[in-house]
C-alpha atoms as a PDB file:
ATOM      1  CA  UNK A   1      98.245  72.924  74.668  1.00  0.00           C
ATOM      2  CA  UNK A   2      98.772  75.861  72.310  1.00  0.00           C
ATOM      3  CA  UNK A   3      98.786  79.456  73.525  1.00  0.00           C
ATOM      4  CA  UNK A   4      95.280  80.264  72.257  1.00  0.00           C
ATOM      5  CA  UNK A   5      93.773  77.255  74.003  1.00  0.00           C
ATOM      6  CA  UNK A   6      95.668  78.016  77.215  1.00  0.00           C
ATOM      7  CA  UNK A   7      94.382  81.607  77.226  1.00  0.00           C
ATOM      8  CA  UNK A   8      90.817  80.403  76.634  1.00  0.00           C
ATOM      9  CA  UNK A   9      90.991  77.834  79.444  1.00  0.00           C
ATOM     10  CA  UNK A  10      92.621  80.305  81.850  1.00  0.00           C
ATOM     11  CA  UNK A  11      90.077  83.040  81.079  1.00  0.00           C
ATOM     12  CA  UNK A  12      87.142  80.654  81.581  1.00  0.00           C
ATOM     13  CA  UNK A  13      88.571  79.576  84.940  1.00  0.00           C
ATOM     14  CA  UNK A  14      89.178  83.163  86.035  1.00  0.00           C
ATOM     15  CA  UNK A  15      85.607  84.179  85.188  1.00  0.00           C
ATOM     16  CA  UNK A  16      84.221  81.227  87.167  1.00  0.00           C
ATOM     17  CA  UNK A  17      86.289  82.239  90.214  1.00  0.00           C
ATOM     18  CA  UNK A  18      85.303  85.903  89.997  1.00  0.00           C
ATOM     19  CA  UNK A  19      81.600  85.140  89.531  1.00  0.00           C
ATOM     20  CA  UNK A  20      81.685  82.697  92.420  1.00  0.00           C
ATOM     21  CA  UNK A  21      83.122  85.451  94.582  1.00  0.00           C
ATOM     22  CA  UNK A  22      80.528  87.903  93.264  1.00  0.00           C
ATOM     23  CA  UNK A  23      77.380  85.769  93.645  1.00  0.00           C
ATOM     24  CA  UNK A  24      78.325  82.980  96.023  1.00  0.00           C
ATOM     25  CA  UNK A  25      78.331  80.389  93.247  1.00  0.00           C
ATOM     26  CA  UNK A  26      79.916  80.133  89.861  1.00  0.00           C
ATOM     27  CA  UNK A  27      78.339  79.276  86.527  1.00  0.00           C
ATOM     28  CA  UNK A  28      77.775  75.632  85.643  1.00  0.00           C
ATOM     29  CA  UNK A  29      79.757  76.062  82.429  1.00  0.00           C
ATOM     30  CA  UNK A  30      82.193  78.624  81.043  1.00  0.00           C
ATOM     31  CA  UNK A  31      83.702  78.754  77.570  1.00  0.00           C
ATOM     32  CA  UNK A  32      86.082  81.462  76.351  1.00  0.00           C
ATOM     33  CA  UNK A  33      87.173  82.264  72.803  1.00  0.00           C
ATOM     34  CA  UNK A  34      89.868  84.556  71.460  1.00  0.00           C
ATOM     35  CA  UNK A  35      88.752  86.259  68.267  1.00  0.00           C
ATOM     36  CA  UNK A  36      90.992  88.922  66.749  1.00  0.00           C
ATOM     37  CA  UNK A  37      91.203  91.667  69.413  1.00  0.00           C
ATOM     38  CA  UNK A  38      88.406  90.236  71.574  1.00  0.00           C
ATOM     39  CA  UNK A  39      88.024  87.694  74.322  1.00  0.00           C
ATOM     40  CA  UNK A  40      84.451  86.414  74.440  1.00  0.00           C
ATOM     41  CA  UNK A  41      83.215  84.395  77.416  1.00  0.00           C
ATOM     42  CA  UNK A  42      79.910  82.508  77.448  1.00  0.00           C
ATOM     43  CA  UNK A  43      78.684  81.472  80.879  1.00  0.00           C
ATOM     44  CA  UNK A  44      75.816  79.050  81.502  1.00  0.00           C
ATOM     45  CA  UNK A  45      73.879  78.437  84.686  1.00  0.00           C
ATOM     46  CA  UNK A  46      74.696  81.795  86.228  1.00  0.00           C
ATOM     47  CA  UNK A  47      71.448  82.510  88.071  1.00  0.00           C
ATOM     48  CA  UNK A  48      71.106  81.687  91.752  1.00  0.00           C
ATOM     49  CA  UNK A  49      67.897  80.055  92.966  1.00  0.00           C
ATOM     50  CA  UNK A  50      66.706  83.428  94.263  1.00  0.00           C
ATOM     51  CA  UNK A  51      67.426  85.069  90.903  1.00  0.00           C
ATOM     52  CA  UNK A  52      65.513  82.331  89.089  1.00  0.00           C
ATOM     53  CA  UNK A  53      62.548  83.115  91.332  1.00  0.00           C
ATOM     54  CA  UNK A  54      62.840  86.847  90.559  1.00  0.00           C
ATOM     55  CA  UNK A  55      63.038  86.145  86.822  1.00  0.00           C
ATOM     56  CA  UNK A  56      59.486  84.772  86.786  1.00  0.00           C
ATOM     57  CA  UNK A  57      57.978  88.282  86.703  1.00  0.00           C
ATOM     58  CA  UNK A  58      58.732  91.293  84.515  1.00  0.00           C
ATOM     59  CA  UNK A  59      59.636  93.543  87.461  1.00  0.00           C
ATOM     60  CA  UNK A  60      61.861  90.804  88.882  1.00  0.00           C
ATOM     61  CA  UNK A  61      63.703  90.473  85.562  1.00  0.00           C
ATOM     62  CA  UNK A  62      64.244  94.230  85.464  1.00  0.00           C
ATOM     63  CA  UNK A  63      65.583  94.215  89.028  1.00  0.00           C
ATOM     64  CA  UNK A  64      67.780  91.204  88.325  1.00  0.00           C
ATOM     65  CA  UNK A  65      69.411  92.857  85.321  1.00  0.00           C
ATOM     66  CA  UNK A  66      69.885  96.065  87.304  1.00  0.00           C
ATOM     67  CA  UNK A  67      71.517  94.288  90.265  1.00  0.00           C
ATOM     68  CA  UNK A  68      73.722  92.122  88.045  1.00  0.00           C
ATOM     69  CA  UNK A  69      74.856  95.191  86.080  1.00  0.00           C
ATOM     70  CA  UNK A  70      75.697  96.944  89.355  1.00  0.00           C
ATOM     71  CA  UNK A  71      77.630  93.926  90.677  1.00  0.00           C
ATOM     72  CA  UNK A  72      79.434  93.523  87.359  1.00  0.00           C
ATOM     73  CA  UNK A  73      80.533  97.158  87.565  1.00  0.00           C
ATOM     74  CA  UNK A  74      81.958  96.512  91.039  1.00  0.00           C
ATOM     75  CA  UNK A  75      83.998  93.557  89.747  1.00  0.00           C
ATOM     76  CA  UNK A  76      84.871  95.110  86.383  1.00  0.00           C
ATOM     77  CA  UNK A  77      88.411  96.097  87.345  1.00  0.00           C
ATOM     78  CA  UNK A  78      89.139  92.632  88.759  1.00  0.00           C
ATOM     79  CA  UNK A  79      87.848  91.004  85.561  1.00  0.00           C
ATOM     80  CA  UNK A  80      89.868  93.327  83.346  1.00  0.00           C
ATOM     81  CA  UNK A  81      93.044  92.752  85.369  1.00  0.00           C
ATOM     82  CA  UNK A  82      92.587  88.989  85.056  1.00  0.00           C
ATOM     83  CA  UNK A  83      92.177  89.256  81.283  1.00  0.00           C
ATOM     84  CA  UNK A  84      95.239  91.505  81.031  1.00  0.00           C
ATOM     85  CA  UNK A  85      97.352  89.147  83.165  1.00  0.00           C
ATOM     86  CA  UNK A  86      96.309  86.118  81.127  1.00  0.00           C
ATOM     87  CA  UNK A  87      96.572  87.647  77.635  1.00  0.00           C
ATOM     88  CA  UNK A  88      99.378  90.148  78.127  1.00  0.00           C
ATOM     89  CA  UNK A  89      97.221  92.730  76.317  1.00  0.00           C
ATOM     90  CA  UNK A  90      95.479  95.771  77.753  1.00  0.00           C
ATOM     91  CA  UNK A  91      91.667  95.740  77.983  1.00  0.00           C
ATOM     92  CA  UNK A  92      90.321  98.908  76.354  1.00  0.00           C
ATOM     93  CA  UNK A  93      86.642  98.184  77.051  1.00  0.00           C
ATOM     94  CA  UNK A  94      84.345  95.435  78.224  1.00  0.00           C
ATOM     95  CA  UNK A  95      80.692  94.565  77.778  1.00  0.00           C
ATOM     96  CA  UNK A  96      78.276  92.291  79.618  1.00  0.00           C
ATOM     97  CA  UNK A  97      74.741  90.968  79.347  1.00  0.00           C
ATOM     98  CA  UNK A  98      72.705  88.263  81.029  1.00  0.00           C
ATOM     99  CA  UNK A  99      69.621  86.426  79.827  1.00  0.00           C
ATOM    100  CA  UNK A 100      67.006  86.224  82.559  1.00  0.00           C
ATOM    101  CA  UNK A 101      65.265  83.528  80.510  1.00  0.00           C
ATOM    102  CA  UNK A 102      68.153  81.084  80.037  1.00  0.00           C
ATOM    103  CA  UNK A 103      70.551  82.136  82.795  1.00  0.00           C
ATOM    104  CA  UNK A 104      73.339  82.547  80.250  1.00  0.00           C
ATOM    105  CA  UNK A 105      75.689  85.501  80.480  1.00  0.00           C
ATOM    106  CA  UNK A 106      78.235  86.866  78.076  1.00  0.00           C
ATOM    107  CA  UNK A 107      81.363  88.879  78.779  1.00  0.00           C
ATOM    108  CA  UNK A 108      83.250  90.565  75.944  1.00  0.00           C
ATOM    109  CA  UNK A 109      86.659  92.152  76.464  1.00  0.00           C
ATOM    110  CA  UNK A 110      88.140  94.363  73.750  1.00  0.00           C
ATOM    111  CA  UNK A 111      91.946  94.337  73.726  1.00  0.00           C
ATOM    112  CA  UNK A 112      94.478  96.898  72.557  1.00  0.00           C
ATOM    113  CA  UNK A 113      95.799  94.557  69.891  1.00  0.00           C
ATOM    114  CA  UNK A 114      94.841  91.555  67.799  1.00  0.00           C
ATOM    115  CA  UNK A 115      95.890  88.409  69.655  1.00  0.00           C
ATOM    116  CA  UNK A 116      94.739  86.141  66.865  1.00  0.00           C
ATOM    117  CA  UNK A 117      97.720  87.188  64.731  1.00  0.00           C
ATOM    118  CA  UNK A 118     100.063  85.889  67.435  1.00  0.00           C
ATOM    119  CA  UNK A 119      98.392  82.484  67.706  1.00  0.00           C
ATOM    120  CA  UNK A 120      97.386  79.538  65.554  1.00  0.00           C
ATOM    121  CA  UNK A 121      93.705  79.248  64.540  1.00  0.00           C
ATOM    122  CA  UNK A 122      91.354  77.638  67.079  1.00  0.00           C
ATOM    123  CA  UNK A 123      90.796  73.892  67.117  1.00  0.00           C
ATOM    124  CA  UNK A 124      87.437  72.620  65.900  1.00  0.00           C
ATOM    125  CA  UNK A 125      86.321  71.622  69.399  1.00  0.00           C
ATOM    126  CA  UNK A 126      86.170  74.115  72.256  1.00  0.00           C
ATOM    127  CA  UNK A 127      87.295  73.236  75.730  1.00  0.00           C
ATOM    128  CA  UNK A 128      84.721  73.940  78.407  1.00  0.00           C
ATOM    129  CA  UNK A 129      85.697  74.809  81.924  1.00  0.00           C
END
């Protein structure tokens, strides 16, 4: 497995573990991609049964996003440290959002350098965790 693919697989696994710790269950699917100076993680099936119930109403969706943003902030340092350990680059910023409609979440980590220059281009198929 080339370095890019190994980073992507390791990042996806780390995000699953951290989210499982954060919410009591991990996503049903996680895929990570290295693109220039970014690591982008797409997570599917992230909502718990209780969160799915909340997401039925507008106020519930607002509360869900607020709680998830708060929890994400609490685990932000742990996520950044995992990315730094896996990539060997420093995380300069990170961004998160979750869809209350689909249950998908996205994590974006901006690095202090372009990793893509150090690695071969990605394979056509992406490995899912």
